[in-house]
Amino acid sequence: MECWYTWTSDIEWSQRRKEGSVLAIGLNGEALSLHSLSGSSLVEWTQGSFVSHRQPLMWYKTMFNAPAGNTPLALDMGSMGKGQAWINGQSVGRYWPAYKSSGDCSFCNYAGTYNEKKCLSNCGEASQKWYHVPRSWLNPTGNLLVVFEEWGGDPNGISLVRREVDSVCADIYEWQPTLMNYMMQASGKVDKPLRPKVHLQCGTGQKISSIKFASFGTPEGACGGYRQGSVTPFILMMLLTGFVLGRTGAQ
């Protein structure tokens, strides 16, 4: 995103100085419908190098063109703190990447009774920083993005990203329990254990073009870095290649 503008009314600055309260701050901009195409043109915005960064309770706006293609889009809000965003008057929703996960990810030991604090991952990272943008909201050119930042952030770090899936990966183990299998067995509809299934599905207009790795045995590693284990039926790769190539999905 380029060419950001910022706005804060004199009323809001006065409230900050005199009252010391932040509860009503930002409501003035919301009452003016700054997030809409018509409302955003009713006030004077500050442009370019004068745009305030890392300041709380700020309104930002910018214009952008829709990326070509039909791949899914998302706003990367990782540089912001907490607030709300709108595109062409439609609310993308609340964002809060400033909330970071806690815990210690440096140690992992599954021995003993399992609990939610064992073998943590992504410590110190935001729980979410990408926010989906429906393409139906966008015009080919001249789209308005408005952000109301409550805590303070850098709007220059906001970007519109495309999700382009090059490969997918899944793994299961024999008799792995699933919610669906449990519900079917608990209902009495089946009288024997159900084997788990993996379902792989391509996006719109995509097909399976190759198989990078497949194993029905004792593979090692994780998605993106699997290695064949000591027990691997090599004919599996040949069977899968002939069965799934050119299809949009497999199970």
Protein backbone atom coordinates (compact mmCIF):
# COMPACT_ATOMS: atom_id res chain seq x y z
CA MET A 1 0.00 0.00 0.00
CA GLU A 2 1.35 3.45 -0.93
CA CYS A 3 0.43 7.08 -0.28
CA TRP A 4 -1.25 6.91 3.12
CA TYR A 5 -3.29 9.74 4.63
CA THR A 6 -4.10 10.30 8.31
CA TRP A 7 -6.81 12.24 10.15
CA THR A 8 -7.51 13.20 13.75
CA SER A 9 -10.07 15.89 14.58
CA ASP A 10 -9.48 18.89 16.84
CA ILE A 11 -12.31 17.60 19.05
CA GLU A 12 -10.49 14.33 19.63
CA TRP A 13 -7.17 16.04 20.42
CA SER A 14 -9.00 18.32 22.87
CA GLN A 15 -10.57 15.31 24.57
CA ARG A 16 -7.19 13.66 24.88
CA ARG A 17 -5.65 16.69 26.60
CA LYS A 18 -8.51 17.67 28.89
CA GLU A 19 -10.28 14.47 29.82
CA GLY A 20 -7.55 11.86 29.66
CA SER A 21 -10.22 9.41 28.53
CA VAL A 22 -10.00 7.28 25.39
CA LEU A 23 -13.50 5.81 25.52
CA ALA A 24 -15.06 8.38 23.14
CA ILE A 25 -12.00 8.90 20.97
CA GLY A 26 -12.58 7.72 17.41
CA LEU A 27 -16.36 7.96 17.63
CA ASN A 28 -16.24 11.33 15.92
CA GLY A 29 -14.67 9.74 12.87
CA GLU A 30 -17.13 6.88 13.01
CA ALA A 31 -20.05 9.33 13.19
CA LEU A 32 -18.68 11.05 10.07
CA SER A 33 -18.53 7.64 8.32
CA LEU A 34 -14.87 8.12 7.46
CA HIS A 35 -14.77 4.48 6.41
CA SER A 36 -17.13 5.17 3.47
CA LEU A 37 -16.32 6.70 0.09
CA SER A 38 -18.60 9.67 0.74
CA GLY A 39 -17.64 10.23 4.38
CA SER A 40 -13.91 10.09 3.77
CA SER A 41 -14.16 13.10 1.45
CA LEU A 42 -15.79 15.31 4.10
CA VAL A 43 -12.63 15.96 6.14
CA GLU A 44 -9.09 17.14 5.44
CA TRP A 45 -6.46 14.42 5.59
CA THR A 46 -2.71 14.77 6.17
CA GLN A 47 -0.58 13.22 3.44
CA GLY A 48 2.81 11.63 2.91
CA SER A 49 5.68 12.29 5.31
CA PHE A 50 3.33 14.04 7.74
CA VAL A 51 1.42 10.81 8.41
CA SER A 52 1.81 9.88 12.07
CA HIS A 53 3.24 6.45 12.88
CA ARG A 54 2.91 4.48 16.11
CA GLN A 55 0.34 6.95 17.44
CA PRO A 56 -2.83 5.70 19.17
CA LEU A 57 -6.35 6.55 18.04
CA MET A 58 -5.53 7.47 14.44
CA TRP A 59 -7.52 7.19 11.22
CA TYR A 60 -5.66 6.20 8.04
CA LYS A 61 -6.79 5.89 4.45
CA THR A 62 -5.27 4.93 1.10
CA MET A 63 -6.42 3.99 -2.41
CA PHE A 64 -5.36 0.84 -4.26
CA ASN A 65 -6.12 -1.18 -7.38
CA ALA A 66 -7.29 -4.78 -7.30
CA PRO A 67 -4.60 -7.37 -8.15
CA ALA A 68 -5.15 -9.27 -11.38
CA GLY A 69 -6.48 -12.83 -11.32
CA ASN A 70 -8.97 -14.62 -9.09
CA THR A 71 -6.75 -15.95 -6.29
CA PRO A 72 -7.97 -15.30 -2.71
CA LEU A 73 -6.80 -12.03 -1.15
CA ALA A 74 -6.01 -10.94 2.40
CA LEU A 75 -4.80 -7.84 4.22
CA ASP A 76 -1.51 -8.32 6.06
CA MET A 77 -1.99 -6.21 9.19
CA GLY A 78 1.13 -7.41 10.99
CA SER A 79 2.57 -3.89 11.35
CA MET A 80 -0.49 -2.58 13.18
CA GLY A 81 -1.62 -2.87 16.80
CA LYS A 82 -5.35 -3.13 17.34
CA GLY A 83 -8.32 -1.61 15.54
CA GLN A 84 -10.69 -2.03 12.61
CA ALA A 85 -10.37 -1.86 8.82
CA TRP A 86 -12.84 -1.16 5.99
CA ILE A 87 -12.59 -1.60 2.23
CA ASN A 88 -15.02 0.44 0.12
CA GLY A 89 -17.21 0.86 3.19
CA GLN A 90 -17.31 -2.88 3.98
CA SER A 91 -15.86 -3.93 7.33
CA VAL A 92 -12.96 -6.36 7.07
CA GLY A 93 -13.37 -6.77 10.82
CA ARG A 94 -11.39 -6.16 13.97
CA TYR A 95 -7.65 -6.84 13.96
CA TRP A 96 -5.27 -7.23 16.92
CA PRO A 97 -1.82 -8.52 15.89
CA ALA A 98 -0.36 -6.67 18.89
CA TYR A 99 -1.66 -9.52 21.05
CA LYS A 100 1.23 -11.98 21.10
CA SER A 101 1.12 -15.59 22.24
CA SER A 102 2.96 -16.39 25.45
CA GLY A 103 4.78 -19.47 26.65
CA ASP A 104 8.10 -21.24 26.15
CA CYS A 105 8.65 -22.95 22.80
CA SER A 106 12.26 -23.91 23.45
CA PHE A 107 11.49 -27.26 25.11
CA CYS A 108 9.30 -30.15 24.00
CA ASN A 109 8.68 -33.42 25.82
CA TYR A 110 5.47 -35.41 25.33
CA ALA A 111 6.25 -37.82 28.19
CA GLY A 112 3.54 -38.17 30.81
CA THR A 113 0.01 -36.78 30.77
CA TYR A 114 -0.60 -34.37 27.91
CA ASN A 115 -1.74 -30.79 28.56
CA GLU A 116 -2.03 -27.61 26.50
CA LYS A 117 1.33 -26.27 27.69
CA LYS A 118 3.37 -29.13 26.24
CA CYS A 119 5.34 -28.62 23.02
CA LEU A 120 4.12 -25.11 22.24
CA SER A 121 4.80 -23.45 18.89
CA ASN A 122 4.85 -19.88 17.52
CA CYS A 123 5.56 -18.31 20.90
CA GLY A 124 5.74 -14.53 20.76
CA GLU A 125 3.85 -14.32 17.45
CA ALA A 126 0.44 -12.85 16.65
CA SER A 127 -2.44 -15.31 16.64
CA GLN A 128 -3.64 -13.75 13.37
CA LYS A 129 -2.31 -11.10 11.00
CA TRP A 130 -4.02 -11.96 7.68
CA TYR A 131 -7.64 -10.89 7.17
CA HIS A 132 -9.66 -12.15 4.21
CA VAL A 133 -10.79 -9.65 1.55
CA PRO A 134 -13.61 -10.90 -0.73
CA ARG A 135 -12.87 -10.03 -4.35
CA SER A 136 -16.55 -9.17 -4.80
CA TRP A 137 -15.91 -6.03 -2.71
CA LEU A 138 -13.26 -4.70 -5.09
CA ASN A 139 -13.34 -2.54 -8.18
CA PRO A 140 -10.61 -2.90 -10.81
CA THR A 141 -9.23 0.50 -9.71
CA GLY A 142 -9.84 3.11 -7.03
CA ASN A 143 -10.55 0.98 -3.96
CA LEU A 144 -10.64 2.77 -0.59
CA LEU A 145 -8.98 1.22 2.47
CA VAL A 146 -9.66 2.96 5.80
CA VAL A 147 -8.06 1.87 9.08
CA PHE A 148 -8.84 3.05 12.60
CA GLU A 149 -5.84 2.24 14.79
CA GLU A 150 -6.41 2.23 18.56
CA TRP A 151 -2.99 1.34 19.95
CA GLY A 152 -0.51 2.61 17.38
CA GLY A 153 1.02 1.03 14.29
CA ASP A 154 2.77 1.68 10.99
CA PRO A 155 0.32 1.74 8.06
CA ASN A 156 3.21 1.57 5.59
CA GLY A 157 3.61 -2.07 6.58
CA ILE A 158 0.07 -3.00 5.49
CA SER A 159 -0.07 -5.00 2.27
CA LEU A 160 -2.62 -6.85 0.17
CA VAL A 161 -1.40 -10.41 -0.34
CA ARG A 162 -2.53 -13.23 -2.60
CA ARG A 163 -2.84 -16.81 -1.42
CA GLU A 164 -1.19 -18.98 -4.02
CA VAL A 165 -1.13 -22.63 -3.02
CA ASP A 166 1.70 -24.52 -4.72
CA SER A 167 1.51 -27.68 -2.65
CA VAL A 168 -0.56 -29.27 0.10
CA CYS A 169 0.35 -31.85 2.71
CA ALA A 170 -1.49 -34.05 5.19
CA ASP A 171 -0.66 -37.03 7.37
CA ILE A 172 -2.63 -39.51 9.44
CA TYR A 173 -1.81 -42.67 11.32
CA GLU A 174 -3.63 -45.97 11.49
CA TRP A 175 -6.77 -45.83 13.66
CA GLN A 176 -6.25 -42.10 14.26
CA PRO A 177 -9.42 -40.91 16.05
CA THR A 178 -11.57 -38.26 14.38
CA LEU A 179 -14.68 -36.47 15.58
CA MET A 180 -16.77 -37.81 12.69
CA ASN A 181 -15.71 -41.41 13.31
CA TYR A 182 -16.36 -41.04 17.04
CA MET A 183 -19.87 -39.65 16.45
CA MET A 184 -20.75 -42.43 14.02
CA GLN A 185 -19.52 -45.15 16.37
CA ALA A 186 -21.21 -43.55 19.39
CA SER A 187 -24.53 -43.39 17.52
CA GLY A 188 -24.45 -47.13 16.87
CA LYS A 189 -24.57 -46.71 13.08
CA VAL A 190 -21.38 -48.72 12.73
CA ASP A 191 -20.20 -51.67 14.79
CA LYS A 192 -16.50 -51.62 13.95
CA PRO A 193 -13.69 -49.05 14.08
CA LEU A 194 -13.52 -46.70 11.09
CA ARG A 195 -10.23 -46.03 9.40
CA PRO A 196 -9.30 -42.34 9.06
CA LYS A 197 -9.10 -40.63 5.66
CA VAL A 198 -7.10 -37.73 4.28
CA HIS A 199 -8.91 -35.39 1.88
CA LEU A 200 -6.85 -33.16 -0.43
CA GLN A 201 -8.65 -30.56 -2.55
CA CYS A 202 -7.24 -28.04 -5.04
CA GLY A 203 -8.48 -24.48 -5.40
CA THR A 204 -10.73 -23.26 -8.20
CA GLY A 205 -9.19 -23.96 -11.59
CA GLN A 206 -6.34 -26.05 -10.16
CA LYS A 207 -5.52 -29.73 -10.56
CA ILE A 208 -3.03 -32.12 -9.01
CA SER A 209 0.02 -31.97 -11.27
CA SER A 210 2.59 -33.99 -9.32
CA ILE A 211 3.20 -35.94 -6.12
CA LYS A 212 6.32 -34.89 -4.23
CA PHE A 213 6.15 -37.47 -1.44
CA ALA A 214 3.97 -40.38 -0.44
CA SER A 215 4.49 -43.09 2.13
CA PHE A 216 2.42 -45.78 3.76
CA GLY A 217 4.88 -46.99 6.33
CA THR A 218 7.20 -45.20 8.75
CA PRO A 219 8.15 -41.83 7.21
CA GLU A 220 10.33 -39.35 9.05
CA GLY A 221 10.17 -35.55 9.21
CA ALA A 222 7.24 -33.18 8.73
CA CYS A 223 5.29 -31.52 5.92
CA GLY A 224 7.69 -29.98 3.44
CA GLY A 225 10.58 -32.14 4.63
CA TYR A 226 9.47 -35.78 4.77
CA ARG A 227 11.95 -38.65 4.31
CA GLN A 228 11.22 -42.28 3.58
CA GLY A 229 11.46 -44.54 6.61
CA SER A 230 12.63 -48.11 6.95
CA VAL A 231 9.24 -49.56 5.97
CA THR A 232 7.90 -48.12 2.70
CA PRO A 233 6.02 -49.92 -0.11
CA PHE A 234 7.55 -48.22 -3.17
CA ILE A 235 4.69 -49.33 -5.42
CA LEU A 236 2.48 -46.83 -3.54
CA MET A 237 4.01 -43.87 -5.40
CA MET A 238 3.28 -45.49 -8.75
CA LEU A 239 -0.32 -46.27 -7.82
CA LEU A 240 -1.00 -42.77 -6.50
CA THR A 241 0.55 -41.11 -9.53
CA GLY A 242 -1.72 -42.98 -11.87
CA PHE A 243 -4.80 -42.42 -9.72
CA VAL A 244 -4.71 -38.72 -8.74
CA LEU A 245 -2.76 -36.81 -11.41
CA GLY A 246 -5.04 -34.45 -13.29
CA ARG A 247 -7.77 -34.61 -10.66
CA THR A 248 -8.96 -31.69 -8.53
CA GLY A 249 -8.86 -33.69 -5.31
CA ALA A 250 -8.22 -37.04 -3.70
CA GLN A 251 -8.87 -38.96 -0.50
